[in-house]
Protein backbone atom coordinates (compact mmCIF):
# COMPACT_ATOMS: atom_id res chain seq x y z
CA UNK A 1 236.40 -14.00 98.61
CA UNK A 2 233.59 -13.16 96.57
CA UNK A 3 231.36 -14.99 98.91
CA UNK A 4 232.93 -12.40 101.60
CA UNK A 5 232.77 -9.38 100.11
CA UNK A 6 229.20 -9.16 98.78
CA UNK A 7 228.11 -10.50 102.63
CA UNK A 8 230.38 -7.19 103.58
CA UNK A 9 228.52 -5.13 101.01
CA UNK A 10 224.79 -5.55 101.69
CA UNK A 11 226.45 -4.85 105.58
CA UNK A 12 227.44 -1.53 104.22
CA UNK A 13 224.02 -0.56 102.74
CA UNK A 14 221.61 -1.48 105.66
CA UNK A 15 223.66 -0.90 108.54
CA UNK A 16 223.11 3.18 107.96
CA UNK A 17 219.29 2.27 108.03
CA UNK A 18 219.14 0.20 111.19
CA UNK A 19 222.40 3.00 112.65
CA UNK A 20 221.15 4.65 115.91
CA UNK A 21 221.74 7.56 113.93
CA UNK A 22 218.65 7.08 111.42
CA UNK A 23 216.68 7.11 114.26
CA UNK A 24 217.45 10.27 115.03
CA UNK A 25 215.00 13.56 114.31
CA UNK A 26 216.90 15.81 111.29
CA UNK A 27 217.58 19.40 111.66
CA UNK A 28 217.06 21.85 109.74
CA UNK A 29 217.82 25.66 109.02
CA UNK A 30 214.29 27.03 110.19
CA UNK A 31 212.53 29.72 108.38
CA UNK A 32 213.67 32.94 109.01
CA UNK A 33 209.69 34.34 110.23
CA UNK A 34 209.13 38.44 110.49
CA UNK A 35 206.98 39.77 112.94
CA UNK A 36 205.78 44.33 112.02
CA UNK A 37 202.72 45.80 114.51
CA UNK A 38 202.18 49.58 114.21
CA UNK A 39 199.91 51.50 116.30
CA UNK A 40 198.57 55.15 115.97
CA UNK A 41 198.80 56.47 119.00
CA UNK A 42 196.70 60.70 119.63
CA UNK A 43 200.39 61.52 121.57
CA UNK A 44 203.50 64.07 120.02
CA UNK A 45 206.20 61.54 119.15
CA UNK A 46 208.47 62.64 122.21
CA UNK A 47 206.13 61.89 124.44
CA UNK A 48 205.59 58.37 123.00
CA UNK A 49 209.39 57.75 123.25
CA UNK A 50 209.92 59.09 126.55
CA UNK A 51 207.62 56.45 128.32
CA UNK A 52 209.78 53.96 126.03
CA UNK A 53 212.81 55.08 125.28
CA UNK A 54 214.23 53.60 128.78
CA UNK A 55 216.06 50.61 127.38
CA UNK A 56 215.53 48.58 131.20
CA UNK A 57 211.83 50.05 131.96
CA UNK A 58 210.03 47.70 129.57
CA UNK A 59 207.97 46.71 133.06
CA UNK A 60 206.61 50.31 133.55
CA UNK A 61 204.02 50.23 129.82
CA UNK A 62 204.25 46.10 128.60
CA UNK A 63 201.90 44.10 130.77
CA UNK A 64 203.31 40.85 131.23
CA UNK A 65 206.30 42.40 132.53
CA UNK A 66 207.13 42.24 136.08
CA UNK A 67 210.53 43.95 136.94
CA UNK A 68 213.74 44.22 134.57
CA UNK A 69 216.84 44.05 135.29
CA UNK A 70 220.51 45.34 133.90
CA UNK A 71 222.58 43.07 134.58
CA UNK A 72 225.58 43.93 132.14
CA UNK A 73 226.50 46.74 130.99
CA UNK A 74 224.79 50.34 131.18
CA UNK A 75 221.14 51.31 131.18
CA UNK A 76 220.50 52.69 127.03
CA UNK A 77 224.64 52.13 126.06
CA UNK A 78 224.68 49.30 123.38
CA UNK A 79 225.49 46.41 124.47
CA UNK A 80 223.79 46.72 127.80
CA UNK A 81 221.55 43.40 128.96
CA UNK A 82 218.45 43.57 130.46
CA UNK A 83 217.27 40.98 132.05
CA UNK A 84 212.95 40.57 132.22
CA UNK A 85 211.29 38.93 135.04
CA UNK A 86 207.74 38.12 133.42
CA UNK A 87 204.66 37.97 135.31
CA UNK A 88 204.27 34.60 135.40
CA UNK A 89 207.78 34.32 136.64
CA UNK A 90 209.76 34.17 132.96
CA UNK A 91 213.14 35.14 132.51
CA UNK A 92 214.19 36.92 129.29
CA UNK A 93 217.72 37.96 128.54
CA UNK A 94 218.00 40.39 126.06
CA UNK A 95 221.20 42.80 124.61
CA UNK A 96 220.83 45.92 123.70
CA UNK A 97 222.60 46.26 119.70
CA UNK A 98 221.69 49.87 118.70
CA UNK A 99 220.58 53.33 120.51
CA UNK A 100 219.52 55.96 118.49
CA UNK A 101 217.51 58.82 121.84
CA UNK A 102 217.32 61.26 118.41
CA UNK A 103 215.55 59.12 115.70
CA UNK A 104 213.89 57.69 118.43
CA UNK A 105 214.52 53.58 117.87
CA UNK A 106 216.11 50.92 119.65
CA UNK A 107 217.43 47.19 118.49
CA UNK A 108 217.76 44.54 120.31
CA UNK A 109 218.18 40.66 120.36
CA UNK A 110 217.36 37.63 122.65
CA UNK A 111 220.09 36.22 124.37
CA UNK A 112 218.14 33.73 126.72
CA UNK A 113 214.46 32.84 127.66
CA UNK A 114 210.88 31.25 128.18
CA UNK A 115 209.77 32.64 124.50
CA UNK A 116 209.60 29.98 121.38
CA UNK A 117 212.04 31.74 119.18
CA UNK A 118 215.37 31.50 118.42
CA UNK A 119 218.12 34.23 116.78
CA UNK A 120 215.14 37.05 117.34
CA UNK A 121 216.75 40.22 116.66
CA UNK A 122 213.65 43.53 117.42
CA UNK A 123 213.74 47.65 116.26
CA UNK A 124 210.95 49.63 118.51
CA UNK A 125 210.70 53.54 116.84
CA UNK A 126 208.44 56.22 117.37
CA UNK A 127 207.76 58.33 114.62
CA UNK A 128 205.81 61.29 113.44
CA UNK A 129 202.16 60.99 112.96
CA UNK A 130 198.99 62.14 112.05
CA UNK A 131 197.88 65.95 113.69
CA UNK A 132 201.27 65.66 116.32
CA UNK A 133 200.45 62.20 117.17
CA UNK A 134 203.17 59.40 116.54
CA UNK A 135 203.04 55.57 115.06
CA UNK A 136 204.89 52.88 117.16
CA UNK A 137 206.26 50.68 115.52
CA UNK A 138 207.49 47.12 116.28
CA UNK A 139 209.27 44.97 114.50
CA UNK A 140 211.45 41.84 114.91
CA UNK A 141 213.18 38.90 113.03
CA UNK A 142 213.17 35.51 114.25
CA UNK A 143 213.77 31.48 113.72
CA UNK A 144 211.44 29.45 115.78
CA UNK A 145 212.91 27.64 119.01
CA UNK A 146 213.21 23.89 117.68
CA UNK A 147 215.15 22.88 114.61
CA UNK A 148 213.85 19.74 113.41
CA UNK A 149 212.31 19.07 110.72
CA UNK A 150 209.28 17.80 112.34
CA UNK A 151 209.28 20.34 115.54
CA UNK A 152 207.73 19.63 118.96
CA UNK A 153 203.87 20.77 119.64
CA UNK A 154 204.56 24.64 120.54
CA UNK A 155 208.38 25.53 118.92
CA UNK A 156 206.93 25.46 115.87
CA UNK A 157 206.78 28.16 113.12
CA UNK A 158 203.13 29.52 113.84
CA UNK A 159 204.24 29.29 117.70
CA UNK A 160 207.11 31.52 117.56
CA UNK A 161 204.88 34.12 114.66
CA UNK A 162 202.00 33.49 116.72
CA UNK A 163 203.76 34.67 120.21
CA UNK A 164 205.35 37.39 119.09
CA UNK A 165 202.32 38.83 117.91
CA UNK A 166 200.53 38.40 121.02
CA UNK A 167 203.79 40.42 122.69
CA UNK A 168 203.92 42.96 120.22
CA UNK A 169 200.35 43.81 120.71
CA UNK A 170 199.95 43.69 124.45
CA UNK A 171 202.58 45.78 124.72
CA UNK A 172 202.28 48.07 122.16
CA UNK A 173 197.71 48.58 123.34
CA UNK A 174 199.51 49.30 126.25
CA UNK A 175 201.85 51.45 125.42
CA UNK A 176 198.50 53.60 123.96
CA UNK A 177 196.59 53.37 127.08
CA UNK A 178 199.77 55.09 129.43
CA UNK A 179 200.73 57.90 126.75
CA UNK A 180 196.56 58.68 126.69
CA UNK A 181 196.53 59.33 129.96
CA UNK A 182 199.59 61.26 130.40
């Protein structure tokens, strides 16, 4: 009996090391990442808000967005869903979580899309600035797209953070140009 149990016990110890599951990359909970960008604009908060207040109008001020279309719900109302088509052909579907016209802000999440992020929630807000100008803040919280402990290239924390920084910077800089020109 002892001669039978010893090999079986040894097999139980070794089996997890040679099983297919042991060769699968380990998933982990990615870190929560944040990006915040702000820009001062020499135009009144109302003027700047008029440029960005349309949830379905990102294509009118962000240079990377070619088209925006409401595919569910009503524009500027909670739970509206927009489909953004980027200039390179990629798409992003976003859901409006909160809209505050009086407070000049809205909050939204990405439902699906080409960006290397997951669990993305963002807020954009226009506040009074110096000498009658404005400050536009755009901030987001998210995780990288890959849940793997060793994410593939292009799906890591640095790529996610750098991508969102680039999106915010391009949008805010173009908004500043548009608001300054009227």
